[in-house]
Amino acid sequence: MALTSMLRSLSRLSRRGCAGPGPGPGPSPFRHHRYPYSPFSTAAADAVERGFAGLGPTAKGEKARVVVLGTGWAGSRLMKDLDTSGYEVVCVSPRNHMVFTPLLASTCVGTLEFRSVAEPLARIQPAVSNSPGSYFLLARCTAVDPDAHTIDCETVTEGEKDALKPSKFKVAYDKLVFACGAEASTFGIRGVTDHAIFLREVHHAQEIRRKLLLNLMLSDIPGISEEERRRLLHCVVVGGGPTGVEFSGELSDFIIRDVKQRYSHVKDYIHVTLIEANEILSSFDVRLRQYATNQLIKSGVRLVQGIVKDVQPNKLILDNGEEVPFGLLVWSTGVGASSFVKSLPFPKSPGGRIGVDEWLRVPSARDVFAIGDCSGFLEETGKDILPALAQVFS
């Protein structure tokens, strides 16, 4: 597929030498582009002066630098297969590990531990920790200058009281690969971001487990009303896709396996509701959908068809006016283009993702590529929009 061709092209170029002429026009034009030096911020200039390679432009005769934005499935696979004998790799991401998302739901209830689903980037691509010119930078990209071949970055320090103040710097690139993924879709529904928990990162799973166990203990306090106990122990999942269905199943197993033994005083109060606007697992075969529906109902999950209109601190409101109180709300209604991707000065594919050709190149910017959930085929390519499933790229 296109990602494989991109990797092979990078490897071929590295074997020919970075300063070589590179291949001519065609599917993989990976010519080593030398770009003019552009002014850097004072912080970046100081860092370069201190000998911090990986910020300034590469010099003639040095390895070309591939800058990868993101540590998701696409970015991690690219870095794993990148030929570091011919390229330096610099990864910029607010996360220093890849998350094995299919098993993330299992960590919420203790079936798996969090370390089981997080693979450090240094294991995926050791060069970022032991090669002089390769780095992992705990930061996020805020802007790109295709003409100067630089990106603007800002360090990530959210939630760290004793951390350094966020600093801004520039990173120069020879090849830039956007692999920054997508963000959870809220459809502009009020209250989702404030009162629901997504399930896309390890810290999301940690928060879900913390909230679930806290509610179990709070519900056993003497004097609490029946109504409040039922609310605390009502786990609501919005979204009937693979993540929502998997998490609902894990929750029901947790109730059967653990709650009835360890929290016997409140075992009859805890229950799970899965809310979906249409039909669960709508992109799958009808037989699989029916099987999943039967299994969820059999395990005690309540299925509700409806559209969420508003989310408040302790309840959500459906389109028919029904109020659904909850103690835990998990939001898994799919993903869409992030605000960062939408802000980029590139043509967009349907859905607002970075538009690419059949070789994952961004046609309007030299030496810029986009892979994974942040990218999509431009309409003029005539290519069908591919579903965001790993099987498509295998």
Protein backbone atom coordinates (compact mmCIF):
# COMPACT_ATOMS: atom_id res chain seq x y z
CA MET A 1 0.00 0.00 0.00
CA ALA A 2 0.98 3.67 -0.06
CA LEU A 3 2.63 3.66 3.37
CA THR A 4 4.76 0.66 2.43
CA SER A 5 5.83 2.38 -0.80
CA MET A 6 6.73 5.48 1.16
CA LEU A 7 8.94 3.46 3.52
CA ARG A 8 10.65 1.66 0.65
CA SER A 9 11.32 4.95 -1.09
CA LEU A 10 12.89 6.43 2.02
CA SER A 11 15.09 3.35 2.39
CA ARG A 12 16.17 3.46 -1.26
CA LEU A 13 17.13 7.09 -0.97
CA SER A 14 19.09 6.49 2.23
CA ARG A 15 21.11 3.74 0.54
CA ARG A 16 21.93 6.07 -2.38
CA GLY A 17 23.15 8.78 -0.02
CA CYS A 18 21.39 11.82 1.33
CA ALA A 19 23.10 14.30 -0.97
CA GLY A 20 22.46 12.24 -4.07
CA PRO A 21 20.18 13.36 -6.85
CA GLY A 22 17.27 11.25 -5.66
CA PRO A 23 14.63 9.66 -7.86
CA GLY A 24 12.98 11.63 -10.58
CA PRO A 25 9.29 12.40 -10.93
CA GLY A 26 7.06 9.50 -10.09
CA PRO A 27 5.31 7.80 -7.24
CA SER A 28 7.98 8.59 -4.62
CA PRO A 29 9.90 11.86 -5.26
CA PHE A 30 12.10 11.76 -2.16
CA ARG A 31 14.75 14.22 -3.29
CA HIS A 32 16.84 15.61 -0.43
CA HIS A 33 15.75 19.22 -0.45
CA ARG A 34 18.15 21.85 0.88
CA TYR A 35 16.29 24.88 2.10
CA PRO A 36 17.43 28.35 3.14
CA TYR A 37 18.08 29.03 6.78
CA SER A 38 15.26 30.91 8.46
CA PRO A 39 15.41 32.91 11.72
CA PHE A 40 14.85 30.87 14.87
CA SER A 41 13.55 32.00 18.22
CA THR A 42 16.07 32.98 20.87
CA ALA A 43 15.34 29.79 22.82
CA ALA A 44 15.91 27.65 19.75
CA ALA A 45 19.08 29.52 18.82
CA ASP A 46 20.42 29.07 22.35
CA ALA A 47 19.63 25.37 22.17
CA VAL A 48 21.51 25.03 18.89
CA GLU A 49 24.45 26.96 20.36
CA ARG A 50 24.54 24.51 23.28
CA GLY A 51 24.93 21.68 20.79
CA PHE A 52 21.35 20.43 20.70
CA ALA A 53 21.18 18.97 17.21
CA GLY A 54 17.77 18.36 15.75
CA LEU A 55 16.63 21.97 15.70
CA GLY A 56 18.64 23.76 13.02
CA PRO A 57 18.82 22.87 9.32
CA THR A 58 20.95 19.89 8.33
CA ALA A 59 24.28 20.68 6.71
CA LYS A 60 25.50 19.30 3.41
CA GLY A 61 26.76 15.75 3.83
CA GLU A 62 24.71 15.10 6.97
CA LYS A 63 21.86 12.62 7.12
CA ALA A 64 18.52 14.01 6.04
CA ARG A 65 16.15 14.64 8.92
CA VAL A 66 12.67 13.13 8.96
CA VAL A 67 10.38 14.88 11.43
CA VAL A 68 7.36 12.82 12.48
CA LEU A 69 4.45 14.44 14.29
CA GLY A 70 2.69 11.86 16.45
CA THR A 71 3.19 8.48 18.11
CA GLY A 72 0.02 6.71 17.04
CA TRP A 73 -0.25 3.61 14.87
CA ALA A 74 0.85 5.23 11.62
CA GLY A 75 3.66 7.33 13.04
CA SER A 76 5.04 4.51 15.18
CA ARG A 77 5.05 2.07 12.27
CA LEU A 78 6.84 4.58 10.06
CA MET A 79 9.51 5.23 12.69
CA LYS A 80 9.92 1.52 13.38
CA ASP A 81 10.65 0.77 9.72
CA LEU A 82 12.65 3.91 8.93
CA ASP A 83 16.23 3.20 7.83
CA THR A 84 18.19 5.19 10.41
CA SER A 85 21.48 4.43 8.67
CA GLY A 86 20.44 7.02 6.11
CA TYR A 87 18.06 9.23 8.09
CA GLU A 88 17.87 11.01 11.42
CA VAL A 89 14.42 10.89 12.96
CA VAL A 90 12.93 13.54 15.20
CA CYS A 91 9.55 12.77 16.73
CA VAL A 92 7.43 15.59 18.13
CA SER A 93 4.49 14.41 20.21
CA PRO A 94 2.75 15.12 23.53
CA ARG A 95 2.99 11.36 24.19
CA ASN A 96 6.23 9.36 24.45
CA HIS A 97 4.59 6.01 23.78
CA MET A 98 2.23 4.24 21.43
CA VAL A 99 -1.10 3.04 22.84
CA PHE A 100 -2.44 -0.36 21.78
CA THR A 101 -5.99 0.94 21.63
CA PRO A 102 -7.85 -2.37 21.04
CA LEU A 103 -6.95 -3.44 24.59
CA LEU A 104 -7.43 -0.07 26.25
CA ALA A 105 -10.94 -0.95 27.45
CA SER A 106 -9.56 -3.95 29.33
CA THR A 107 -7.32 -1.72 31.45
CA CYS A 108 -10.31 0.27 32.73
CA VAL A 109 -11.51 -2.65 34.85
CA GLY A 110 -8.19 -4.28 35.70
CA THR A 111 -8.27 -7.14 33.21
CA LEU A 112 -4.96 -5.75 31.94
CA GLU A 113 -2.55 -3.31 33.53
CA PHE A 114 -1.84 0.02 31.90
CA ARG A 115 1.77 -0.87 31.10
CA SER A 116 0.47 -3.72 28.93
CA VAL A 117 -1.00 -1.33 26.36
CA ALA A 118 1.72 1.35 26.26
CA GLU A 119 4.88 0.75 24.22
CA PRO A 120 7.64 3.35 24.76
CA LEU A 121 8.84 5.04 21.60
CA ALA A 122 12.45 4.26 22.54
CA ARG A 123 11.64 0.56 22.08
CA ILE A 124 9.88 1.14 18.79
CA GLN A 125 12.74 3.23 17.40
CA PRO A 126 15.87 3.10 19.62
CA ALA A 127 17.54 5.84 17.56
CA VAL A 128 15.53 8.55 19.35
CA SER A 129 17.38 7.74 22.57
CA ASN A 130 20.84 6.65 21.38
CA SER A 131 21.55 8.38 18.06
CA PRO A 132 23.26 11.81 18.30
CA GLY A 133 21.01 13.41 15.70
CA SER A 134 17.69 11.74 16.51
CA TYR A 135 15.33 12.87 19.25
CA PHE A 136 11.96 12.56 20.87
CA LEU A 137 10.59 15.98 21.83
CA LEU A 138 7.74 16.15 24.35
CA ALA A 139 5.91 18.94 22.59
CA ARG A 140 3.17 19.66 20.12
CA CYS A 141 3.44 21.28 16.74
CA THR A 142 1.56 24.56 16.55
CA ALA A 143 2.36 25.73 13.02
CA VAL A 144 4.28 24.77 9.89
CA ASP A 145 6.20 26.88 7.37
CA PRO A 146 6.52 24.76 4.20
CA ASP A 147 8.65 27.37 2.43
CA ALA A 148 11.25 27.56 5.21
CA HIS A 149 10.97 23.83 5.97
CA THR A 150 10.40 24.48 9.67
CA ILE A 151 7.72 23.76 12.25
CA ASP A 152 6.84 25.73 15.37
CA CYS A 153 6.57 23.70 18.57
CA GLU A 154 5.58 24.23 22.18
CA THR A 155 6.52 21.98 25.09
CA VAL A 156 3.75 20.03 26.82
CA THR A 157 3.52 20.49 30.60
CA GLU A 158 -0.21 20.23 31.36
CA GLY A 159 -0.95 19.09 34.90
CA GLU A 160 2.68 19.31 36.06
CA LYS A 161 2.87 21.93 38.82
CA ASP A 162 6.65 21.85 39.14
CA ALA A 163 7.42 21.62 35.42
CA LEU A 164 9.20 24.29 33.46
CA LYS A 165 7.10 26.97 31.84
CA PRO A 166 6.06 26.00 28.31
CA SER A 167 8.74 27.04 25.84
CA LYS A 168 8.48 27.58 22.12
CA PHE A 169 11.04 26.51 19.55
CA LYS A 170 11.46 25.63 15.88
CA VAL A 171 12.53 22.39 14.27
CA ALA A 172 13.86 22.28 10.73
CA TYR A 173 13.08 19.29 8.52
CA ASP A 174 14.07 17.69 5.27
CA LYS A 175 10.95 15.51 5.24
CA LEU A 176 7.89 16.20 7.37
CA VAL A 177 5.32 13.51 8.13
CA PHE A 178 2.03 14.40 9.77
CA ALA A 179 0.86 11.42 11.83
CA CYS A 180 -0.99 13.37 14.49
CA GLY A 181 -4.19 11.34 14.36
CA ALA A 182 -7.68 12.62 15.04
CA GLU A 183 -9.66 13.77 18.06
CA ALA A 184 -12.87 12.53 19.62
CA SER A 185 -16.02 13.83 17.97
CA THR A 186 -18.40 15.69 20.28
CA PHE A 187 -20.66 17.10 17.51
CA GLY A 188 -20.73 20.39 19.40
CA ILE A 189 -22.93 18.93 22.13
CA ARG A 190 -22.78 21.08 25.23
CA GLY A 191 -21.17 19.55 28.31
CA VAL A 192 -19.44 16.58 26.68
CA THR A 193 -15.90 17.84 27.19
CA ASP A 194 -16.61 18.88 30.79
CA HIS A 195 -18.54 15.88 32.07
CA ALA A 196 -17.68 12.85 29.91
CA ILE A 197 -14.50 10.79 29.71
CA PHE A 198 -13.11 9.73 26.36
CA LEU A 199 -11.33 6.41 25.82
CA ARG A 200 -8.35 7.11 23.59
CA GLU A 201 -5.37 7.44 25.92
CA VAL A 202 -3.94 5.61 28.92
CA HIS A 203 -4.81 8.51 31.21
CA HIS A 204 -8.43 8.22 30.06
CA ALA A 205 -8.49 4.58 31.14
CA GLN A 206 -6.87 5.50 34.45
CA GLU A 207 -9.52 8.15 35.09
CA ILE A 208 -12.32 5.71 34.24
CA ARG A 209 -10.95 3.10 36.64
CA ARG A 210 -10.49 5.70 39.38
CA LYS A 211 -14.01 7.04 38.91
CA LEU A 212 -15.56 3.58 38.80
CA LEU A 213 -13.89 2.39 42.01
CA LEU A 214 -14.58 5.69 43.78
CA ASN A 215 -18.29 5.47 42.97
CA LEU A 216 -18.43 1.89 44.22
CA MET A 217 -17.00 2.96 47.56
CA LEU A 218 -19.10 6.14 47.86
CA SER A 219 -22.29 4.22 47.15
CA ASP A 220 -21.68 2.06 50.23
CA ILE A 221 -21.59 4.99 52.66
CA PRO A 222 -24.39 4.84 55.30
CA GLY A 223 -27.18 7.34 54.81
CA ILE A 224 -26.89 7.72 51.05
CA SER A 225 -30.27 7.76 49.33
CA GLU A 226 -31.44 5.00 47.01
CA GLU A 227 -31.70 7.47 44.14
CA GLU A 228 -28.16 8.73 44.61
CA ARG A 229 -26.79 5.20 44.96
CA ARG A 230 -28.37 4.18 41.66
CA ARG A 231 -27.01 7.29 39.95
CA LEU A 232 -23.48 6.74 41.23
CA LEU A 233 -23.51 3.17 39.98
CA HIS A 234 -25.08 3.90 36.60
CA CYS A 235 -22.36 3.61 33.93
CA VAL A 236 -23.44 5.19 30.64
CA VAL A 237 -21.57 4.62 27.38
CA VAL A 238 -22.43 6.84 24.40
CA GLY A 239 -21.49 5.39 21.02
CA GLY A 240 -22.14 1.91 19.68
CA GLY A 241 -18.96 1.50 17.67
CA PRO A 242 -16.19 -1.02 18.45
CA THR A 243 -14.86 0.99 21.41
CA GLY A 244 -18.24 1.53 23.02
CA VAL A 245 -19.33 -2.08 22.56
CA GLU A 246 -16.01 -3.45 23.82
CA PHE A 247 -16.03 -1.21 26.88
CA SER A 248 -19.66 -2.08 27.68
CA GLY A 249 -18.76 -5.76 27.52
CA GLU A 250 -15.75 -5.25 29.78
CA LEU A 251 -17.91 -3.39 32.30
CA SER A 252 -20.53 -6.12 32.38
CA ASP A 253 -17.83 -8.75 32.89
CA PHE A 254 -16.38 -6.65 35.71
CA ILE A 255 -19.78 -6.49 37.39
CA ILE A 256 -20.26 -10.25 37.15
CA ARG A 257 -16.68 -11.17 38.03
CA ASP A 258 -15.67 -8.63 40.66
CA VAL A 259 -18.47 -6.39 41.90
CA LYS A 260 -20.71 -9.22 43.07
CA GLN A 261 -17.85 -10.61 45.17
CA ARG A 262 -16.06 -7.49 46.42
CA TYR A 263 -18.95 -5.03 46.65
CA SER A 264 -21.82 -7.32 47.54
CA HIS A 265 -23.68 -4.56 49.43
CA VAL A 266 -24.28 -2.59 46.23
CA LYS A 267 -24.13 -5.33 43.59
CA ASP A 268 -27.82 -4.97 42.75
CA TYR A 269 -27.52 -1.26 41.99
CA ILE A 270 -24.75 -1.14 39.40
CA HIS A 271 -25.79 -1.32 35.76
CA VAL A 272 -24.61 -0.33 32.29
CA THR A 273 -26.47 1.57 29.55
CA LEU A 274 -25.20 1.83 25.98
CA ILE A 275 -26.70 4.69 23.94
CA GLU A 276 -26.43 4.66 20.14
CA ALA A 277 -28.18 6.90 17.62
CA ASN A 278 -28.65 4.12 15.05
CA GLU A 279 -27.52 0.50 15.31
CA ILE A 280 -24.48 -0.77 17.18
CA LEU A 281 -21.48 -1.79 15.07
CA SER A 282 -23.23 -0.38 12.00
CA SER A 283 -20.13 -0.83 9.79
CA PHE A 284 -19.98 -4.58 10.46
CA ASP A 285 -21.81 -7.56 9.00
CA VAL A 286 -25.42 -7.92 10.12
CA ARG A 287 -24.73 -11.31 11.72
CA LEU A 288 -21.95 -9.86 13.84
CA ARG A 289 -24.17 -6.94 14.86
CA GLN A 290 -26.93 -9.29 15.94
CA TYR A 291 -24.51 -11.51 17.85
CA ALA A 292 -23.03 -8.52 19.69
CA THR A 293 -26.50 -7.21 20.52
CA ASN A 294 -27.58 -10.56 21.94
CA GLN A 295 -24.41 -10.91 24.01
CA LEU A 296 -24.73 -7.42 25.48
CA ILE A 297 -28.36 -7.94 26.42
CA LYS A 298 -27.54 -11.34 27.88
CA SER A 299 -24.83 -9.81 30.06
CA GLY A 300 -27.22 -7.18 31.41
CA VAL A 301 -26.32 -4.15 29.29
CA ARG A 302 -29.31 -1.91 28.57
CA LEU A 303 -29.38 -0.73 24.94
CA VAL A 304 -30.98 2.63 24.21
CA GLN A 305 -31.50 4.13 20.76
CA GLY A 306 -31.35 7.90 20.89
CA ILE A 307 -29.35 11.07 20.31
CA VAL A 308 -27.75 12.97 23.16
CA LYS A 309 -28.71 16.64 23.10
CA ASP A 310 -27.15 17.94 26.31
CA VAL A 311 -24.77 16.71 29.01
CA GLN A 312 -24.99 18.08 32.54
CA PRO A 313 -22.86 17.28 35.62
CA ASN A 314 -24.91 14.25 36.72
CA LYS A 315 -27.25 13.54 33.83
CA LEU A 316 -27.65 13.69 30.06
CA ILE A 317 -30.73 14.54 28.04
CA LEU A 318 -31.82 12.63 24.95
CA ASP A 319 -33.60 14.00 21.90
CA ASN A 320 -36.94 12.64 23.16
CA GLY A 321 -36.57 14.59 26.42
CA GLU A 322 -35.61 11.59 28.55
CA GLU A 323 -33.16 12.37 31.33
CA VAL A 324 -30.50 9.73 32.02
CA PRO A 325 -28.64 10.15 35.35
CA PHE A 326 -25.12 8.76 35.51
CA GLY A 327 -22.16 8.36 37.82
CA LEU A 328 -19.76 7.55 34.99
CA LEU A 329 -20.12 8.73 31.40
CA VAL A 330 -17.81 7.38 28.69
CA TRP A 331 -17.98 9.06 25.27
CA SER A 332 -16.97 6.97 22.25
CA THR A 333 -18.78 8.36 19.22
CA GLY A 334 -15.89 8.18 16.78
CA VAL A 335 -13.23 10.66 15.73
CA GLY A 336 -12.82 13.60 13.39
CA ALA A 337 -10.17 16.02 12.22
CA SER A 338 -8.46 17.87 15.05
CA SER A 339 -8.49 21.64 15.38
CA PHE A 340 -4.75 21.63 14.64
CA VAL A 341 -5.22 19.75 11.37
CA LYS A 342 -8.07 22.06 10.38
CA SER A 343 -5.80 25.07 10.94
CA LEU A 344 -3.05 23.86 8.60
CA PRO A 345 -2.61 25.74 5.30
CA PHE A 346 -3.14 22.66 3.12
CA PRO A 347 -6.04 21.52 0.95
CA LYS A 348 -8.38 19.27 2.91
CA SER A 349 -10.06 16.01 2.03
CA PRO A 350 -13.74 15.41 2.81
CA GLY A 351 -14.08 15.55 6.59
CA GLY A 352 -11.42 18.20 7.06
CA ARG A 353 -8.38 15.91 7.07
CA ILE A 354 -5.09 16.75 5.36
CA GLY A 355 -5.53 16.05 1.66
CA VAL A 356 -3.02 13.63 0.10
CA ASP A 357 -2.46 11.93 -3.23
CA GLU A 358 -2.20 8.17 -3.70
CA TRP A 359 1.40 8.26 -2.39
CA LEU A 360 0.46 10.07 0.82
CA ARG A 361 2.09 13.29 -0.37
CA VAL A 362 0.61 16.70 0.37
CA PRO A 363 0.58 18.07 -3.20
CA SER A 364 0.72 21.72 -2.21
CA ALA A 365 3.86 21.40 -0.04
CA ARG A 366 7.19 19.91 -1.05
CA ASP A 367 8.60 17.17 1.22
CA VAL A 368 5.43 17.00 3.32
CA PHE A 369 3.43 13.80 3.85
CA ALA A 370 0.41 12.83 5.93
CA ILE A 371 -0.50 9.34 7.14
CA GLY A 372 -3.08 7.76 9.39
CA ASP A 373 -6.28 9.31 10.71
CA CYS A 374 -5.15 12.89 10.05
CA SER A 375 -5.07 12.28 6.29
CA GLY A 376 -7.52 11.56 3.51
CA PHE A 377 -7.51 11.32 -0.28
CA LEU A 378 -8.21 14.52 -2.17
CA GLU A 379 -11.29 14.35 -4.37
CA GLU A 380 -9.26 15.00 -7.52
CA THR A 381 -7.33 11.75 -7.00
CA GLY A 382 -10.48 9.81 -7.80
CA LYS A 383 -9.70 7.46 -4.92
CA ASP A 384 -12.43 6.20 -2.62
CA ILE A 385 -12.41 7.45 0.95
CA LEU A 386 -10.97 4.58 2.99
CA PRO A 387 -12.39 3.57 6.38
CA ALA A 388 -10.10 4.28 9.32
CA LEU A 389 -9.30 0.62 9.94
CA ALA A 390 -5.89 -0.99 10.17
CA GLN A 391 -7.06 -3.88 7.98
CA VAL A 392 -7.24 -1.52 5.00
CA PHE A 393 -3.49 -0.95 5.17
CA SER A 394 -2.38 -4.52 5.82
